[in-house]
Amino acid sequence: MAEERTLELVKRRLLGDSERTQAPLVRSRVDEIYLKYGIAPDQAAVVERELLSAGVLIDEEDESDQEHEEGATATPSTTSPTFADALSHLMHQAKKLPLLSRQDEQRLGEAIQRGLAVTQTSEMPLDGHTARLVAKAKEARERLISSNIRLVVKLVMRPNFRYRMDVDDLVQYGMIGLMRAAEKFDPDVGTRFSTYATWWIRQAVTRGIHNDGNVIRLPVHVIASIHRFRRTQRQLGLTQGRREHVKLIAESLGWTDDYTARISLLSEMNVVSLDAPLGSDDGNGSTLGDLMADTADRPDEAVELLDIRAAVRSLVDDIQDERARDIVKRRFGFDGPDETLQEIGDRYEVTRERIRQVEAKTLDKLEKRAIAKGLRGNSF
């Protein structure tokens, strides 16, 4: 239901742009809208078929690419000079190749699909013909990638991505998405490769940010649910936290109320720095960390604890039965790591139950002696 509303909203928006400009839509603008609303390639194909039936054309010649390429390395203040040079070189290499036409993409996509069909169905060594098909598929894939590097740069330079991680990391994630798009591209889907690749690049960059860019890491499927929750929340015009609103979102997405409530809580989760100031009017520069309680023991408690430990060790050292004394020391890690009943039983070649009985009997005696000496009864 929410997905249908999103597609209808995107279609109305594009129709509105066409009516307002009285000119064909520009491919880069169409892809931007797809990106904003999270439209997948198969959904984009549906939208574009409906646009075509309504007489709306899409101009595939993107005049804004040159502007993006010229400004891509000049604007990012967060990039180092070394990486800015590398990014400039990357774009310079990409600009040596002309933009692909729809027919070029069709031809390259078909070559890729033929190569995939051969490698997926053939279990025998490749003969001359099939080897040529695989080689042509590889060349087609490389051409698609090299001719569309500009898509990666355009996407990672968007503010909502660019300031989340280092740009060089974002470009690497974007290139992974572009390579995946080239492997999967099927011209029969009905969309341009730029539309198809933009979706894959966005998926790869988003996944990379969520895996490596967040202070608190959540599973990718949970992050996807949070995004669906927030998108549906915006579409329904709802606010956060109210129970009846959570119920409406659950009904819209087909989720249970409990699961939707958990996603709602996660969607409101924020990370706050302990160095964040408490306010500008306190005059002493206090931070949130100043309000955090010290988890360390107070000096008097620490001294008391040391005294108790010394008294307990003295009681254990006074145990007459050497085996019982050794079992207690091993169980509670007096002279090394704690040992399990099974480990001690194996050492003495008896059952773990026998070790448990010796331990219980010895601790009972120690507790009585501790109480007689004025130690707290819960020392054991």
Protein backbone atom coordinates (compact mmCIF):
# COMPACT_ATOMS: atom_id res chain seq x y z
CA MET A 1 0.00 0.00 0.00
CA ALA A 2 2.74 2.45 0.99
CA GLU A 3 4.76 1.36 -2.06
CA GLU A 4 1.84 2.10 -4.40
CA ARG A 5 1.42 5.54 -2.87
CA THR A 6 5.13 6.25 -3.36
CA LEU A 7 5.00 5.27 -7.04
CA GLU A 8 1.92 7.42 -7.58
CA LEU A 9 3.63 10.36 -5.84
CA VAL A 10 6.73 10.00 -8.04
CA LYS A 11 4.62 9.79 -11.19
CA ARG A 12 2.65 12.92 -10.24
CA ARG A 13 5.85 14.77 -9.46
CA LEU A 14 7.40 13.95 -12.83
CA LEU A 15 4.19 14.78 -14.66
CA GLY A 16 4.12 18.10 -12.82
CA ASP A 17 7.69 18.87 -13.84
CA SER A 18 6.86 18.13 -17.48
CA GLU A 19 3.74 20.32 -17.45
CA ARG A 20 5.60 23.15 -15.73
CA THR A 21 8.55 23.23 -18.15
CA GLN A 22 6.62 22.21 -21.27
CA ALA A 23 9.71 20.24 -22.27
CA PRO A 24 11.00 16.67 -22.01
CA LEU A 25 12.24 15.60 -18.61
CA VAL A 26 16.02 15.41 -18.10
CA ARG A 27 17.37 11.98 -17.21
CA SER A 28 19.52 13.27 -14.33
CA ARG A 29 16.48 14.97 -12.79
CA VAL A 30 14.41 11.79 -13.13
CA ASP A 31 17.14 9.73 -11.48
CA GLU A 32 17.40 12.28 -8.66
CA ILE A 33 13.70 11.83 -7.89
CA TYR A 34 14.02 8.05 -8.04
CA LEU A 35 16.92 8.30 -5.61
CA LYS A 36 15.03 10.56 -3.23
CA TYR A 37 12.05 8.22 -2.97
CA GLY A 38 14.03 4.97 -3.04
CA ILE A 39 12.58 3.76 -6.33
CA ALA A 40 14.01 0.41 -7.49
CA PRO A 41 14.80 -0.22 -11.19
CA ASP A 42 11.74 -2.39 -11.81
CA GLN A 43 9.54 0.26 -10.20
CA ALA A 44 11.20 2.95 -12.34
CA ALA A 45 10.36 0.95 -15.45
CA VAL A 46 6.68 0.94 -14.44
CA VAL A 47 6.72 4.71 -13.87
CA GLU A 48 8.42 5.41 -17.19
CA ARG A 49 5.96 3.25 -19.13
CA GLU A 50 3.11 5.25 -17.63
CA LEU A 51 4.90 8.52 -18.40
CA LEU A 52 5.40 7.45 -22.00
CA SER A 53 1.72 6.53 -22.33
CA ALA A 54 0.91 10.03 -21.04
CA GLY A 55 3.10 11.55 -23.76
CA VAL A 56 5.97 12.57 -21.45
CA LEU A 57 9.45 12.08 -22.92
CA ILE A 58 12.79 11.82 -21.12
CA ASP A 59 15.82 13.55 -22.64
CA GLU A 60 18.71 11.12 -22.28
CA GLU A 61 21.39 13.75 -23.02
CA ASP A 62 22.36 14.99 -19.56
CA GLU A 63 23.80 18.49 -19.82
CA SER A 64 24.39 18.67 -16.08
CA ASP A 65 27.05 15.95 -16.14
CA GLN A 66 29.78 18.35 -17.29
CA GLU A 67 28.99 20.75 -14.45
CA HIS A 68 29.09 17.95 -11.91
CA GLU A 69 32.38 16.64 -13.22
CA GLU A 70 34.00 20.07 -13.14
CA GLY A 71 32.81 20.79 -9.62
CA ALA A 72 33.17 17.35 -8.12
CA THR A 73 36.73 17.82 -6.93
CA ALA A 74 36.60 21.54 -6.26
CA THR A 75 33.89 21.57 -3.60
CA PRO A 76 34.64 18.81 -1.11
CA SER A 77 36.50 20.52 1.73
CA THR A 78 36.54 17.23 3.61
CA THR A 79 38.84 15.52 1.08
CA SER A 80 42.61 15.58 1.28
CA PRO A 81 44.67 17.08 -1.57
CA THR A 82 45.99 13.61 -2.41
CA PHE A 83 42.53 12.17 -2.73
CA ALA A 84 41.26 15.26 -4.56
CA ASP A 85 43.99 14.62 -7.15
CA ALA A 86 43.01 10.94 -7.37
CA LEU A 87 39.34 11.86 -7.77
CA SER A 88 40.24 14.42 -10.43
CA HIS A 89 42.24 11.77 -12.28
CA LEU A 90 39.34 9.35 -12.01
CA MET A 91 36.93 11.86 -13.52
CA HIS A 92 39.46 12.83 -16.20
CA GLN A 93 39.72 9.19 -17.26
CA ALA A 94 35.94 8.82 -17.23
CA LYS A 95 35.47 11.90 -19.45
CA LYS A 96 37.68 10.39 -22.13
CA LEU A 97 34.81 8.03 -22.93
CA PRO A 98 31.62 9.46 -24.44
CA LEU A 99 28.27 9.00 -22.76
CA LEU A 100 26.53 5.85 -23.89
CA SER A 101 23.33 6.04 -25.89
CA ARG A 102 20.35 3.85 -25.15
CA GLN A 103 21.34 1.68 -28.10
CA ASP A 104 24.89 1.33 -26.74
CA GLU A 105 23.54 0.26 -23.36
CA GLN A 106 21.20 -2.20 -25.04
CA ARG A 107 24.08 -3.74 -26.98
CA LEU A 108 26.40 -3.93 -23.98
CA GLY A 109 23.65 -5.27 -21.72
CA GLU A 110 22.81 -8.01 -24.18
CA ALA A 111 26.49 -8.99 -24.41
CA ILE A 112 26.66 -9.21 -20.61
CA GLN A 113 23.54 -11.35 -20.44
CA ARG A 114 24.87 -13.73 -23.12
CA GLY A 115 28.10 -14.13 -21.18
CA LEU A 116 26.20 -14.78 -17.94
CA ALA A 117 24.00 -17.36 -19.65
CA VAL A 118 27.07 -19.24 -20.86
CA THR A 119 28.86 -19.27 -17.51
CA GLN A 120 25.74 -20.24 -15.57
CA THR A 121 24.62 -23.10 -17.79
CA SER A 122 27.84 -24.58 -19.09
CA GLU A 123 29.65 -27.08 -16.86
CA MET A 124 32.10 -28.10 -19.58
CA PRO A 125 35.33 -26.24 -20.46
CA LEU A 126 34.61 -23.26 -22.72
CA ASP A 127 35.15 -23.79 -26.44
CA GLY A 128 36.22 -21.05 -28.82
CA HIS A 129 32.72 -19.63 -29.35
CA THR A 130 31.65 -19.57 -25.70
CA ALA A 131 35.05 -18.21 -24.66
CA ARG A 132 34.54 -15.30 -27.08
CA LEU A 133 31.07 -14.65 -25.60
CA VAL A 134 32.54 -14.52 -22.08
CA ALA A 135 35.35 -12.21 -23.23
CA LYS A 136 32.87 -9.87 -24.94
CA ALA A 137 30.72 -9.87 -21.78
CA LYS A 138 33.76 -8.85 -19.74
CA GLU A 139 34.59 -6.05 -22.18
CA ALA A 140 30.96 -4.86 -22.13
CA ARG A 141 30.93 -4.84 -18.34
CA GLU A 142 34.17 -2.84 -18.20
CA ARG A 143 32.81 -0.34 -20.73
CA LEU A 144 29.60 0.14 -18.75
CA ILE A 145 31.61 0.72 -15.57
CA SER A 146 34.18 3.12 -17.04
CA SER A 147 31.53 5.14 -18.87
CA ASN A 148 29.45 5.63 -15.71
CA ILE A 149 32.02 6.42 -13.03
CA ARG A 150 30.53 9.91 -13.02
CA LEU A 151 27.38 8.41 -11.44
CA VAL A 152 29.40 7.33 -8.40
CA VAL A 153 30.99 10.75 -7.99
CA LYS A 154 27.64 12.55 -8.37
CA LEU A 155 25.99 10.41 -5.73
CA VAL A 156 28.73 10.44 -3.07
CA MET A 157 29.02 14.22 -3.36
CA ARG A 158 25.41 14.60 -2.22
CA PRO A 159 25.37 16.24 1.26
CA ASN A 160 23.37 13.41 2.83
CA PHE A 161 26.19 10.99 1.94
CA ARG A 162 29.29 13.15 1.66
CA TYR A 163 29.57 14.17 5.32
CA ARG A 164 28.81 10.73 6.78
CA MET A 165 32.22 9.17 5.98
CA ASP A 166 35.47 9.96 4.19
CA VAL A 167 34.74 10.57 0.53
CA ASP A 168 37.36 8.06 -0.61
CA ASP A 169 35.55 5.33 1.36
CA LEU A 170 32.24 6.39 -0.14
CA VAL A 171 33.68 6.22 -3.65
CA GLN A 172 34.95 2.71 -3.00
CA TYR A 173 31.50 1.60 -1.84
CA GLY A 174 29.94 3.35 -4.82
CA MET A 175 32.27 1.59 -7.24
CA ILE A 176 31.26 -1.76 -5.71
CA GLY A 177 27.63 -0.84 -6.39
CA LEU A 178 28.44 0.24 -9.96
CA MET A 179 30.26 -3.03 -10.66
CA ARG A 180 27.33 -4.98 -9.26
CA ALA A 181 24.94 -3.01 -11.47
CA ALA A 182 27.04 -3.78 -14.55
CA GLU A 183 26.96 -7.49 -13.70
CA LYS A 184 23.17 -7.50 -13.17
CA PHE A 185 22.07 -5.08 -15.90
CA ASP A 186 19.32 -6.48 -18.08
CA PRO A 187 18.27 -4.13 -20.89
CA ASP A 188 14.87 -5.83 -21.06
CA VAL A 189 13.95 -4.25 -17.70
CA GLY A 190 13.14 -1.10 -19.65
CA THR A 191 15.23 1.52 -17.85
CA ARG A 192 18.43 3.33 -18.76
CA PHE A 193 21.58 2.02 -17.15
CA SER A 194 22.00 5.27 -15.20
CA THR A 195 18.67 4.65 -13.46
CA TYR A 196 19.56 1.02 -12.81
CA ALA A 197 23.10 1.81 -11.59
CA THR A 198 22.06 4.73 -9.39
CA TRP A 199 19.90 2.37 -7.34
CA TRP A 200 22.72 -0.15 -6.91
CA ILE A 201 25.28 2.56 -6.09
CA ARG A 202 22.97 4.02 -3.49
CA GLN A 203 22.40 0.59 -1.95
CA ALA A 204 26.15 -0.08 -1.73
CA VAL A 205 26.99 3.34 -0.28
CA THR A 206 24.13 3.18 2.23
CA ARG A 207 25.15 -0.31 3.35
CA GLY A 208 28.76 0.84 3.71
CA ILE A 209 27.74 3.82 5.85
CA HIS A 210 25.56 1.68 8.10
CA ASN A 211 28.25 -1.00 8.47
CA ASP A 212 31.22 1.29 9.07
CA GLY A 213 29.93 4.81 9.64
CA ASN A 214 27.63 4.45 12.65
CA VAL A 215 28.70 4.58 16.29
CA ILE A 216 26.00 2.05 17.15
CA ARG A 217 25.89 -0.70 14.56
CA LEU A 218 22.56 -2.27 13.68
CA PRO A 219 21.90 -5.18 11.32
CA VAL A 220 21.31 -4.02 7.75
CA HIS A 221 17.80 -5.52 7.66
CA VAL A 222 16.90 -3.52 10.79
CA ILE A 223 18.23 -0.33 9.20
CA ALA A 224 16.12 -1.05 6.11
CA SER A 225 13.06 -1.43 8.35
CA ILE A 226 13.86 1.89 10.05
CA HIS A 227 14.03 3.59 6.64
CA ARG A 228 10.68 2.07 5.60
CA PHE A 229 9.18 3.17 8.92
CA ARG A 230 10.38 6.76 8.53
CA ARG A 231 9.33 6.95 4.88
CA THR A 232 5.84 5.69 5.69
CA GLN A 233 5.68 8.06 8.65
CA ARG A 234 6.40 11.01 6.37
CA GLN A 235 3.93 9.84 3.73
CA LEU A 236 1.16 9.53 6.32
CA GLY A 237 2.07 12.87 7.91
CA LEU A 238 2.49 11.34 11.37
CA THR A 239 4.62 12.32 14.35
CA GLN A 240 6.85 10.05 16.38
CA GLY A 241 6.08 8.13 19.52
CA ARG A 242 2.29 8.14 19.65
CA ARG A 243 0.81 4.67 20.03
CA GLU A 244 -2.06 5.19 17.60
CA HIS A 245 0.40 6.41 14.96
CA VAL A 246 2.55 3.31 15.40
CA LYS A 247 -0.57 1.21 14.87
CA LEU A 248 -1.40 3.03 11.63
CA ILE A 249 2.14 2.51 10.33
CA ALA A 250 1.99 -1.17 11.28
CA GLU A 251 -1.23 -1.59 9.30
CA SER A 252 0.25 0.26 6.31
CA LEU A 253 3.41 -1.87 6.24
CA GLY A 254 1.80 -5.15 7.23
CA TRP A 255 3.94 -5.44 10.38
CA THR A 256 2.91 -6.52 13.86
CA ASP A 257 2.32 -3.79 16.43
CA ASP A 258 5.17 -5.05 18.65
CA TYR A 259 7.71 -5.10 15.82
CA THR A 260 6.63 -1.64 14.64
CA ALA A 261 6.94 -0.28 18.19
CA ARG A 262 10.52 -1.63 18.43
CA ILE A 263 11.45 -0.08 15.07
CA SER A 264 9.87 3.19 16.24
CA LEU A 265 12.13 3.24 19.30
CA LEU A 266 15.20 2.46 17.21
CA SER A 267 14.30 5.20 14.74
CA GLU A 268 14.42 7.76 17.56
CA MET A 269 17.75 6.53 18.90
CA ASN A 270 20.49 9.16 18.80
CA VAL A 271 24.11 9.23 19.93
CA VAL A 272 25.03 12.14 22.20
CA SER A 273 28.61 13.08 22.97
CA LEU A 274 29.64 13.18 26.63
CA ASP A 275 31.49 16.39 25.74
CA ALA A 276 28.23 18.08 24.74
CA PRO A 277 27.76 21.31 26.77
CA LEU A 278 24.89 21.42 29.23
CA GLY A 279 23.97 24.96 28.28
CA SER A 280 25.36 28.39 27.58
CA ASP A 281 24.04 30.02 30.73
CA ASP A 282 25.78 27.95 33.43
CA GLY A 283 29.02 29.89 33.06
CA ASN A 284 31.35 27.04 33.99
CA GLY A 285 31.55 25.04 30.77
CA SER A 286 29.94 21.93 32.24
CA THR A 287 29.43 18.97 29.92
CA LEU A 288 27.10 16.01 29.94
CA GLY A 289 29.99 13.81 31.07
CA ASP A 290 30.22 15.83 34.29
CA LEU A 291 26.84 14.43 35.33
CA MET A 292 27.90 10.81 34.88
CA ALA A 293 28.39 8.97 38.16
CA ASP A 294 31.84 7.51 38.80
CA THR A 295 31.55 3.72 38.72
CA ALA A 296 34.77 3.21 40.68
CA ASP A 297 34.53 2.19 44.35
CA ARG A 298 34.77 4.94 46.95
CA PRO A 299 38.13 4.92 48.80
CA ASP A 300 36.55 3.69 52.05
CA GLU A 301 34.69 0.93 50.19
CA ALA A 302 37.87 -0.08 48.36
CA VAL A 303 39.80 -0.37 51.64
CA GLU A 304 37.00 -2.38 53.24
CA LEU A 305 36.89 -4.71 50.23
CA LEU A 306 40.66 -5.30 50.44
CA ASP A 307 40.34 -6.12 54.15
CA ILE A 308 37.53 -8.61 53.46
CA ARG A 309 39.53 -10.28 50.69
CA ALA A 310 42.55 -10.65 53.00
CA ALA A 311 40.37 -12.12 55.75
CA VAL A 312 38.72 -14.57 53.35
CA ARG A 313 42.08 -15.71 51.98
CA SER A 314 43.28 -16.25 55.55
CA LEU A 315 40.22 -18.40 56.28
CA VAL A 316 40.74 -20.45 53.11
CA ASP A 317 44.45 -20.92 53.86
CA ASP A 318 43.48 -22.34 57.29
CA ILE A 319 41.39 -25.16 55.77
CA GLN A 320 42.95 -28.39 57.05
CA ASP A 321 41.84 -30.64 54.21
CA GLU A 322 44.35 -29.99 51.42
CA ARG A 323 42.04 -31.20 48.65
CA ALA A 324 39.08 -29.11 49.91
CA ARG A 325 41.34 -26.05 50.14
CA ASP A 326 42.60 -26.56 46.58
CA ILE A 327 39.06 -27.05 45.22
CA VAL A 328 37.83 -23.77 46.75
CA LYS A 329 40.86 -21.87 45.47
CA ARG A 330 40.42 -23.25 41.96
CA ARG A 331 36.66 -22.62 41.88
CA PHE A 332 37.02 -18.96 42.90
CA GLY A 333 40.25 -18.18 41.04
CA PHE A 334 42.46 -17.41 44.03
CA ASP A 335 45.69 -18.15 42.15
CA GLY A 336 44.51 -18.11 38.54
CA PRO A 337 41.38 -18.24 36.39
CA ASP A 338 38.18 -19.79 37.76
CA GLU A 339 37.81 -23.49 36.98
CA THR A 340 34.58 -25.39 36.37
CA LEU A 341 33.40 -28.36 38.36
CA GLN A 342 34.17 -30.59 35.38
CA GLU A 343 37.72 -29.31 35.04
CA ILE A 344 38.48 -29.88 38.72
CA GLY A 345 36.76 -33.29 38.62
CA ASP A 346 38.95 -34.32 35.70
CA ARG A 347 42.01 -33.19 37.63
CA TYR A 348 41.10 -35.36 40.63
CA GLU A 349 39.55 -38.12 38.51
CA VAL A 350 36.17 -37.88 40.24
CA THR A 351 32.72 -36.75 39.05
CA ARG A 352 31.72 -33.10 38.93
CA GLU A 353 28.97 -33.90 41.43
CA ARG A 354 31.56 -35.07 43.95
CA ILE A 355 33.48 -31.81 43.51
CA ARG A 356 30.25 -29.85 44.03
CA GLN A 357 29.58 -31.70 47.29
CA VAL A 358 33.08 -30.99 48.63
CA GLU A 359 32.76 -27.34 47.63
CA ALA A 360 29.36 -26.91 49.30
CA LYS A 361 30.48 -28.57 52.53
CA THR A 362 33.67 -26.48 52.69
CA LEU A 363 31.87 -23.19 51.98
CA ASP A 364 29.33 -23.96 54.73
CA LYS A 365 32.17 -24.37 57.23
CA LEU A 366 33.90 -21.20 56.00
CA GLU A 367 30.71 -19.15 56.34
CA LYS A 368 30.26 -20.20 59.95
CA ARG A 369 33.87 -19.36 60.75
CA ALA A 370 33.52 -16.00 58.98
CA ILE A 371 30.46 -15.09 61.04
CA ALA A 372 32.26 -16.08 64.21
CA LYS A 373 35.08 -13.67 63.28
CA GLY A 374 32.66 -10.81 62.58
CA LEU A 375 32.76 -10.89 58.75
CA ARG A 376 29.59 -10.32 56.77
CA GLY A 377 27.58 -13.47 56.29
CA ASN A 378 27.40 -12.93 52.50
CA SER A 379 31.15 -12.93 52.06
CA PHE A 380 30.73 -16.44 50.69
